[in-house]
N, C-alpha and C. Protein backbone atom coordinates (compact mmCIF):
# COMPACT_ATOMS: atom_id res chain seq x y z
N MET A 1 0.84 -1.19 0.00
CA MET A 1 0.00 0.00 0.00
C MET A 1 0.88 1.24 0.00
N ASN A 2 0.60 2.14 -0.92
CA ASN A 2 1.34 3.40 -0.98
C ASN A 2 0.84 4.34 0.11
N PRO A 3 1.76 5.04 0.76
CA PRO A 3 1.34 6.03 1.75
C PRO A 3 0.50 7.13 1.10
N GLU A 4 -0.54 7.58 1.78
CA GLU A 4 -1.38 8.65 1.25
C GLU A 4 -1.88 9.53 2.39
N PRO A 5 -2.27 10.77 2.05
CA PRO A 5 -2.73 11.70 3.09
C PRO A 5 -4.01 11.21 3.78
N LEU A 6 -4.23 11.70 4.97
CA LEU A 6 -5.44 11.40 5.72
C LEU A 6 -6.50 12.41 5.30
N THR A 7 -7.56 11.94 4.68
CA THR A 7 -8.61 12.83 4.18
C THR A 7 -9.88 12.68 5.01
N LYS A 8 -10.81 13.61 4.83
CA LYS A 8 -12.08 13.59 5.57
C LYS A 8 -12.83 12.28 5.36
N GLU A 9 -12.70 11.72 4.16
CA GLU A 9 -13.42 10.50 3.84
C GLU A 9 -12.97 9.31 4.70
N LYS A 10 -11.78 9.40 5.27
CA LYS A 10 -11.24 8.30 6.07
C LYS A 10 -11.55 8.46 7.56
N ILE A 11 -12.29 9.50 7.91
CA ILE A 11 -12.63 9.75 9.31
C ILE A 11 -14.11 9.42 9.51
N ASP A 12 -14.37 8.45 10.36
CA ASP A 12 -15.75 8.06 10.66
C ASP A 12 -16.25 8.83 11.88
N GLU A 13 -17.52 9.18 11.86
CA GLU A 13 -18.12 9.87 12.99
C GLU A 13 -19.25 8.99 13.54
N ILE A 14 -19.18 8.73 14.83
CA ILE A 14 -20.24 7.94 15.46
C ILE A 14 -20.79 8.70 16.65
N GLU A 15 -22.00 8.37 17.03
CA GLU A 15 -22.59 8.99 18.20
C GLU A 15 -22.28 8.11 19.40
N ASP A 16 -21.86 8.72 20.48
CA ASP A 16 -21.51 7.99 21.70
C ASP A 16 -22.21 8.67 22.87
N VAL A 17 -22.18 8.04 24.04
CA VAL A 17 -22.79 8.59 25.24
C VAL A 17 -21.76 8.61 26.35
N ASP A 18 -21.62 9.78 26.99
CA ASP A 18 -20.74 9.91 28.15
C ASP A 18 -21.41 9.15 29.29
N MET A 19 -20.72 8.15 29.82
CA MET A 19 -21.32 7.29 30.83
C MET A 19 -21.51 7.99 32.18
N VAL A 20 -20.84 9.09 32.41
CA VAL A 20 -21.01 9.83 33.67
C VAL A 20 -22.19 10.79 33.57
N THR A 21 -22.19 11.60 32.52
CA THR A 21 -23.24 12.61 32.39
C THR A 21 -24.43 12.13 31.56
N MET A 22 -24.25 11.00 30.87
CA MET A 22 -25.27 10.44 29.98
C MET A 22 -25.63 11.38 28.84
N GLU A 23 -24.72 12.27 28.48
CA GLU A 23 -24.94 13.17 27.36
C GLU A 23 -24.38 12.54 26.10
N ALA A 24 -25.12 12.71 25.02
CA ALA A 24 -24.67 12.20 23.73
C ALA A 24 -23.67 13.17 23.12
N TYR A 25 -22.70 12.62 22.41
CA TYR A 25 -21.74 13.45 21.70
C TYR A 25 -21.22 12.67 20.50
N ASP A 26 -20.68 13.38 19.54
CA ASP A 26 -20.12 12.75 18.35
C ASP A 26 -18.66 12.43 18.59
N ARG A 27 -18.25 11.26 18.16
CA ARG A 27 -16.85 10.83 18.30
C ARG A 27 -16.32 10.56 16.90
N LYS A 28 -15.12 11.04 16.64
CA LYS A 28 -14.48 10.79 15.36
C LYS A 28 -13.47 9.66 15.53
N ILE A 29 -13.50 8.73 14.59
CA ILE A 29 -12.62 7.57 14.65
C ILE A 29 -11.81 7.48 13.37
N VAL A 30 -10.52 7.22 13.55
CA VAL A 30 -9.61 7.07 12.41
C VAL A 30 -8.94 5.71 12.54
N ASP A 31 -8.88 4.98 11.45
CA ASP A 31 -8.24 3.68 11.43
C ASP A 31 -6.73 3.84 11.58
N TYR A 32 -6.13 2.98 12.37
CA TYR A 32 -4.68 2.99 12.61
C TYR A 32 -3.90 2.96 11.29
N LYS A 33 -4.33 2.11 10.35
CA LYS A 33 -3.64 1.99 9.06
C LYS A 33 -3.66 3.32 8.30
N ASP A 34 -4.76 4.06 8.40
CA ASP A 34 -4.85 5.34 7.71
C ASP A 34 -3.91 6.37 8.33
N VAL A 35 -3.79 6.36 9.66
CA VAL A 35 -2.85 7.28 10.33
C VAL A 35 -1.42 6.92 9.94
N LYS A 36 -1.11 5.64 9.98
CA LYS A 36 0.23 5.17 9.62
C LYS A 36 0.56 5.57 8.18
N SER A 37 -0.38 5.38 7.29
CA SER A 37 -0.18 5.74 5.89
C SER A 37 0.06 7.24 5.73
N ALA A 38 -0.74 8.04 6.43
CA ALA A 38 -0.61 9.49 6.33
C ALA A 38 0.74 9.98 6.88
N VAL A 39 1.18 9.41 7.99
CA VAL A 39 2.46 9.81 8.57
C VAL A 39 3.60 9.44 7.63
N ASN A 40 3.56 8.23 7.08
CA ASN A 40 4.60 7.83 6.14
C ASN A 40 4.56 8.66 4.87
N TRP A 41 3.35 9.04 4.41
CA TRP A 41 3.22 9.92 3.26
C TRP A 41 3.89 11.26 3.55
N LEU A 42 3.63 11.81 4.72
CA LEU A 42 4.20 13.09 5.10
C LEU A 42 5.74 13.03 5.12
N LEU A 43 6.28 11.97 5.70
CA LEU A 43 7.74 11.82 5.74
C LEU A 43 8.33 11.69 4.34
N LYS A 44 7.63 11.00 3.45
CA LYS A 44 8.11 10.87 2.07
C LYS A 44 8.06 12.22 1.34
N GLU A 45 7.02 13.00 1.62
CA GLU A 45 6.91 14.33 1.00
C GLU A 45 8.06 15.23 1.46
N ILE A 46 8.42 15.14 2.73
CA ILE A 46 9.55 15.92 3.24
C ILE A 46 10.83 15.48 2.54
N GLU A 47 11.02 14.17 2.37
CA GLU A 47 12.20 13.67 1.66
C GLU A 47 12.25 14.19 0.23
N LYS A 48 11.09 14.23 -0.45
CA LYS A 48 11.04 14.76 -1.82
C LYS A 48 11.47 16.22 -1.85
N GLU A 49 10.97 17.00 -0.88
CA GLU A 49 11.34 18.42 -0.80
C GLU A 49 12.85 18.57 -0.62
N LEU A 50 13.42 17.73 0.25
CA LEU A 50 14.87 17.81 0.50
C LEU A 50 15.67 17.49 -0.76
N LYS A 51 15.20 16.54 -1.54
CA LYS A 51 15.90 16.15 -2.77
C LYS A 51 15.80 17.21 -3.86
N GLU A 52 14.74 18.03 -3.80
CA GLU A 52 14.52 19.04 -4.82
C GLU A 52 15.21 20.37 -4.53
N VAL A 53 15.91 20.46 -3.41
CA VAL A 53 16.60 21.70 -3.07
C VAL A 53 17.74 21.93 -4.06
N GLU A 54 17.74 23.09 -4.66
CA GLU A 54 18.78 23.42 -5.64
C GLU A 54 20.03 23.95 -4.95
N GLU A 55 21.14 23.75 -5.59
CA GLU A 55 22.42 24.22 -5.06
C GLU A 55 22.40 25.76 -5.00
N PRO A 56 22.68 26.33 -3.84
CA PRO A 56 22.66 27.79 -3.71
C PRO A 56 23.79 28.43 -4.51
N GLN A 57 23.52 29.61 -5.07
CA GLN A 57 24.50 30.32 -5.88
C GLN A 57 25.19 31.44 -5.10
N THR A 58 24.49 32.02 -4.15
CA THR A 58 25.04 33.14 -3.39
C THR A 58 25.11 32.77 -1.92
N LEU A 59 25.81 33.59 -1.17
CA LEU A 59 25.91 33.37 0.28
C LEU A 59 24.54 33.49 0.93
N GLN A 60 23.75 34.44 0.46
CA GLN A 60 22.40 34.63 1.01
C GLN A 60 21.53 33.40 0.72
N GLU A 61 21.62 32.88 -0.50
CA GLU A 61 20.86 31.67 -0.84
C GLU A 61 21.33 30.49 0.00
N LYS A 62 22.63 30.40 0.24
CA LYS A 62 23.17 29.30 1.02
C LYS A 62 22.59 29.32 2.44
N ALA A 63 22.50 30.51 3.02
CA ALA A 63 21.94 30.63 4.37
C ALA A 63 20.48 30.22 4.37
N TRP A 64 19.74 30.63 3.34
CA TRP A 64 18.33 30.28 3.25
C TRP A 64 18.17 28.77 3.08
N VAL A 65 18.94 28.17 2.18
CA VAL A 65 18.85 26.73 1.91
C VAL A 65 19.21 25.93 3.16
N ASN A 66 20.26 26.34 3.85
CA ASN A 66 20.65 25.65 5.09
C ASN A 66 19.53 25.70 6.12
N GLY A 67 18.91 26.86 6.26
CA GLY A 67 17.79 27.00 7.21
C GLY A 67 16.60 26.14 6.80
N PHE A 68 16.33 26.09 5.50
CA PHE A 68 15.23 25.29 4.96
C PHE A 68 15.47 23.81 5.25
N ILE A 69 16.68 23.35 4.97
CA ILE A 69 17.04 21.95 5.20
C ILE A 69 16.97 21.61 6.69
N GLN A 70 17.47 22.50 7.52
CA GLN A 70 17.41 22.25 8.97
C GLN A 70 15.96 22.22 9.46
N GLY A 71 15.14 23.11 8.92
CA GLY A 71 13.73 23.16 9.31
C GLY A 71 12.99 21.88 8.94
N LEU A 72 13.23 21.40 7.72
CA LEU A 72 12.59 20.15 7.29
C LEU A 72 13.10 18.98 8.13
N GLY A 73 14.39 18.98 8.44
CA GLY A 73 14.96 17.92 9.27
C GLY A 73 14.34 17.92 10.65
N LYS A 74 14.14 19.09 11.22
CA LYS A 74 13.52 19.21 12.55
C LYS A 74 12.06 18.75 12.49
N ALA A 75 11.36 19.14 11.43
CA ALA A 75 9.97 18.72 11.27
C ALA A 75 9.89 17.19 11.19
N LYS A 76 10.78 16.58 10.44
CA LYS A 76 10.82 15.12 10.32
C LYS A 76 11.05 14.46 11.68
N ASP A 77 12.01 15.00 12.43
CA ASP A 77 12.30 14.46 13.76
C ASP A 77 11.10 14.56 14.68
N LEU A 78 10.40 15.69 14.64
CA LEU A 78 9.23 15.88 15.50
C LEU A 78 8.08 14.95 15.11
N ILE A 79 7.89 14.76 13.80
CA ILE A 79 6.85 13.84 13.33
C ILE A 79 7.17 12.42 13.79
N LYS A 80 8.43 12.02 13.63
CA LYS A 80 8.84 10.68 14.06
C LYS A 80 8.64 10.50 15.56
N LYS A 81 8.92 11.54 16.32
CA LYS A 81 8.75 11.46 17.78
C LYS A 81 7.27 11.39 18.15
N ALA A 82 6.46 12.24 17.51
CA ALA A 82 5.03 12.29 17.84
C ALA A 82 4.29 11.03 17.41
N PHE A 83 4.75 10.40 16.34
CA PHE A 83 4.06 9.22 15.81
C PHE A 83 4.95 7.98 15.85
N SER A 84 5.77 7.89 16.88
CA SER A 84 6.73 6.78 16.96
C SER A 84 6.04 5.41 16.99
N GLY A 85 4.82 5.36 17.42
CA GLY A 85 4.10 4.09 17.47
C GLY A 85 3.52 3.63 16.15
N VAL A 86 3.54 4.49 15.12
CA VAL A 86 2.91 4.12 13.86
C VAL A 86 3.80 4.19 12.63
N ILE A 87 5.00 4.76 12.74
CA ILE A 87 5.82 4.94 11.54
C ILE A 87 6.63 3.71 11.21
N GLU A 88 6.95 3.62 9.92
CA GLU A 88 7.85 2.58 9.43
C GLU A 88 9.20 3.22 9.17
N GLU A 89 10.22 2.65 9.69
CA GLU A 89 11.57 3.16 9.40
C GLU A 89 12.10 2.50 8.16
């Protein structure tokens, strides 16, 4: 299965009841496989962005590119940390 984004169509909504207050409320449910797929899709998209970075020509571009690469790397690390239970290495 190819990784793909998590879309509205993959989120189920069911009605549930709070057992303490007995009030009805809507609960949204997402399948584990869909979350795993979306996280892996996101990590692959970040990798694609990193591969598409062009070689900087000026010192100013180099500073921007380095910051961009570091930012994407940090985002990847945070995603891996937040979703450590569902990602594939």
